[in-house]
Amino acid sequence: MSNEKIAPILRRRSIRKFVPGEVTEEEMQLILEAAMAAPSTRTNDPWRFIVVRKKERLAEIAEKIPNGKLIAGADVGLVVCGELEASNLFDPTYMLLDCTAAIENALLAVSQLDLGACWIGINPRLERMAVVREMFNIPSGIVPIAILAIGHPGEEKPPRTRYNADFIRYEMWANQSEGHE
């Protein structure tokens, strides 16, 4: 069950292979604008970003982050961080929720720009967080959360949904066949 209004969401897929081609400054600006249009608890906007374009830096990420090999072929790496002091109640959970909403917005924007991206998880892996913190000289109040590999897609994936009716309950958790009202 799909329709054209949600087609852009279903079209977003993780792209792990890239072909040469520049992600322009204008495209990156649009991606960052979309990311920062995400909802944020109390509009605190704790997200912070590092745009990485140098090929040697992308290669370093690919070498040092176990699941980051694919970024070597990307044109841009977007390091997504959260500022703890900017989060609601200085709570890391709110910071992570807000930043993941920004990540999803960025991924949707990438897809709409006919580019490709893949989310490389950093947080909560302490060893990965330490590596990224050191690589980018990230201060202690800023938490590395993820890196997005962004570039021109070298693979094509069809739109899809992972909808599963078994994951849905109505009104309460109890099994619907149990007769709870």
Protein backbone atom coordinates (compact mmCIF):
# COMPACT_ATOMS: atom_id res chain seq x y z
CA MET A 1 0.00 0.00 0.00
CA SER A 2 1.79 3.06 -1.25
CA ASN A 3 0.96 6.30 -2.95
CA GLU A 4 2.81 9.07 -4.72
CA LYS A 5 2.76 11.34 -1.67
CA ILE A 6 4.97 9.01 0.36
CA ALA A 7 6.96 7.71 -2.64
CA PRO A 8 9.99 9.92 -1.79
CA ILE A 9 10.19 8.27 1.64
CA LEU A 10 9.98 4.76 0.19
CA ARG A 11 12.59 5.70 -2.43
CA ARG A 12 15.23 6.46 0.23
CA ARG A 13 17.61 3.51 0.40
CA SER A 14 21.09 2.99 1.84
CA ILE A 15 23.62 3.37 -0.97
CA ARG A 16 26.97 1.74 -0.31
CA LYS A 17 28.57 2.11 -3.75
CA PHE A 18 29.38 5.42 -5.34
CA VAL A 19 30.59 6.62 -8.73
CA PRO A 20 32.79 9.67 -9.27
CA GLY A 21 30.97 12.97 -9.26
CA GLU A 22 30.84 16.11 -7.19
CA VAL A 23 28.22 16.85 -4.57
CA THR A 24 27.99 20.59 -5.09
CA GLU A 25 28.09 23.24 -2.38
CA GLU A 26 24.48 24.08 -3.24
CA GLU A 27 23.43 20.43 -2.78
CA MET A 28 25.24 20.25 0.58
CA GLN A 29 23.54 23.48 1.64
CA LEU A 30 20.15 21.95 0.79
CA ILE A 31 21.00 18.75 2.66
CA LEU A 32 22.06 20.73 5.74
CA GLU A 33 18.95 22.93 5.54
CA ALA A 34 16.78 19.81 5.40
CA ALA A 35 18.66 18.27 8.34
CA MET A 36 18.14 21.40 10.41
CA ALA A 37 14.43 21.47 9.55
CA ALA A 38 13.99 18.37 11.72
CA PRO A 39 11.86 18.50 14.84
CA SER A 40 13.80 19.20 18.01
CA THR A 41 12.68 18.96 21.62
CA ARG A 42 11.82 22.50 22.74
CA THR A 43 13.47 23.71 19.51
CA ASN A 44 16.88 23.38 21.12
CA ASP A 45 18.57 22.19 17.89
CA PRO A 46 21.52 20.34 19.47
CA TRP A 47 22.84 19.06 16.12
CA ARG A 48 26.28 20.07 14.90
CA PHE A 49 27.88 19.04 11.61
CA ILE A 50 31.35 18.61 10.13
CA VAL A 51 31.47 18.49 6.31
CA VAL A 52 34.40 16.38 5.09
CA ARG A 53 35.41 16.67 1.43
CA LYS A 54 39.13 15.85 1.43
CA LYS A 55 39.69 12.40 -0.06
CA GLU A 56 42.50 11.64 2.40
CA ARG A 57 40.14 12.33 5.33
CA LEU A 58 37.45 10.10 3.80
CA ALA A 59 40.08 7.37 3.33
CA GLU A 60 41.12 7.79 6.97
CA ILE A 61 37.52 7.28 8.11
CA ALA A 62 37.29 4.19 5.88
CA GLU A 63 40.46 2.83 7.45
CA LYS A 64 39.62 3.57 11.10
CA ILE A 65 35.87 2.89 11.34
CA PRO A 66 35.06 -0.83 10.93
CA ASN A 67 31.75 -0.29 9.14
CA GLY A 68 32.96 2.80 7.29
CA LYS A 69 34.84 1.27 4.36
CA LEU A 70 32.23 2.53 1.89
CA ILE A 71 32.96 6.19 2.65
CA ALA A 72 36.22 6.01 0.71
CA GLY A 73 34.16 6.07 -2.50
CA ALA A 74 31.86 8.89 -1.41
CA ASP A 75 32.35 12.52 -2.37
CA VAL A 76 31.38 13.90 1.06
CA GLY A 77 31.31 12.69 4.62
CA LEU A 78 28.90 14.43 6.97
CA VAL A 79 29.86 13.92 10.60
CA VAL A 80 26.75 14.40 12.72
CA CYS A 81 27.32 15.37 16.34
CA GLY A 82 25.18 16.57 19.19
CA GLU A 83 25.91 19.29 21.71
CA LEU A 84 24.88 18.05 25.13
CA GLU A 85 24.50 21.54 26.63
CA ALA A 86 22.09 22.46 23.83
CA SER A 87 19.83 19.47 24.41
CA ASN A 88 16.62 19.61 26.40
CA LEU A 89 17.44 19.29 30.13
CA PHE A 90 21.06 18.50 29.10
CA ASP A 91 19.76 14.98 28.50
CA PRO A 92 21.69 12.79 26.03
CA THR A 93 18.51 10.92 25.10
CA TYR A 94 16.84 14.09 23.83
CA MET A 95 20.05 15.01 22.00
CA LEU A 96 20.16 11.62 20.26
CA LEU A 97 16.48 11.77 19.32
CA ASP A 98 16.84 15.25 17.86
CA CYS A 99 20.01 14.39 15.95
CA THR A 100 18.58 11.18 14.50
CA ALA A 101 15.60 13.17 13.22
CA ALA A 102 18.11 15.51 11.53
CA ILE A 103 19.93 12.50 10.06
CA GLU A 104 16.73 11.12 8.56
CA ASN A 105 15.86 14.51 7.07
CA ALA A 106 19.35 14.69 5.54
CA LEU A 107 18.98 11.19 4.08
CA LEU A 108 15.60 12.08 2.57
CA ALA A 109 17.06 15.25 1.06
CA VAL A 110 19.96 13.28 -0.43
CA SER A 111 17.51 10.90 -2.08
CA GLN A 112 15.39 13.75 -3.44
CA LEU A 113 18.53 15.31 -4.97
CA ASP A 114 19.18 12.03 -6.82
CA LEU A 115 22.28 11.43 -4.74
CA GLY A 116 23.03 8.44 -2.56
CA ALA A 117 23.95 8.09 1.10
CA CYS A 118 24.54 5.59 3.83
CA TRP A 119 24.32 6.13 7.59
CA ILE A 120 27.46 4.91 9.37
CA GLY A 121 26.71 4.41 13.04
CA ILE A 122 29.19 5.81 15.56
CA ASN A 123 27.23 6.29 18.81
CA PRO A 124 26.94 4.35 21.20
CA ARG A 125 30.13 2.47 20.21
CA LEU A 126 32.63 4.09 22.62
CA GLU A 127 35.67 2.99 20.62
CA ARG A 128 34.23 4.50 17.42
CA MET A 129 33.23 7.67 19.23
CA ALA A 130 36.79 8.03 20.56
CA VAL A 131 38.30 7.57 17.09
CA VAL A 132 35.97 10.15 15.51
CA ARG A 133 36.50 12.56 18.40
CA GLU A 134 40.27 12.36 17.92
CA MET A 135 40.16 12.48 14.10
CA PHE A 136 38.12 15.68 14.06
CA ASN A 137 39.31 17.32 17.27
CA ILE A 138 35.79 17.25 18.71
CA PRO A 139 35.54 18.88 22.16
CA SER A 140 34.21 16.98 25.17
CA GLY A 141 30.75 18.62 25.20
CA ILE A 142 30.08 17.48 21.64
CA VAL A 143 29.05 13.85 21.02
CA PRO A 144 29.81 12.14 17.69
CA ILE A 145 26.68 10.28 16.60
CA ALA A 146 27.02 9.18 12.98
CA ILE A 147 28.74 9.81 9.69
CA LEU A 148 26.81 10.00 6.44
CA ALA A 149 28.63 8.90 3.29
CA ILE A 150 27.18 11.03 0.48
CA GLY A 151 27.86 10.84 -3.24
CA HIS A 152 26.56 9.87 -6.64
CA PRO A 153 24.97 6.42 -6.44
CA GLY A 154 26.85 3.54 -8.01
CA GLU A 155 23.94 1.20 -7.44
CA GLU A 156 20.22 1.40 -7.97
CA LYS A 157 17.73 0.02 -5.49
CA PRO A 158 13.98 -0.07 -5.96
CA PRO A 159 11.67 1.75 -3.56
CA ARG A 160 10.46 -0.42 -0.72
CA THR A 161 8.57 -0.53 2.50
CA ARG A 162 9.25 -2.79 5.44
CA TYR A 163 5.69 -2.48 6.67
CA ASN A 164 4.70 -5.39 8.92
CA ALA A 165 1.18 -5.55 10.35
CA ASP A 166 2.46 -7.83 13.14
CA PHE A 167 4.29 -4.84 14.62
CA ILE A 168 1.09 -2.85 15.19
CA ARG A 169 -1.26 -2.84 18.18
CA TYR A 170 -4.43 -0.81 18.52
CA GLU A 171 -5.38 1.04 21.67
CA MET A 172 -3.16 -1.13 23.94
CA TRP A 173 -0.42 -3.73 23.76
CA ALA A 174 -2.55 -6.79 24.53
CA ASN A 175 -2.99 -9.27 21.73
CA GLN A 176 -6.10 -8.21 19.85
CA SER A 177 -7.43 -11.79 19.80
CA GLU A 178 -7.37 -11.86 23.60
CA GLY A 179 -10.53 -9.77 23.65
CA HIS A 180 -9.19 -6.83 25.71
CA GLU A 181 -11.16 -3.67 25.34
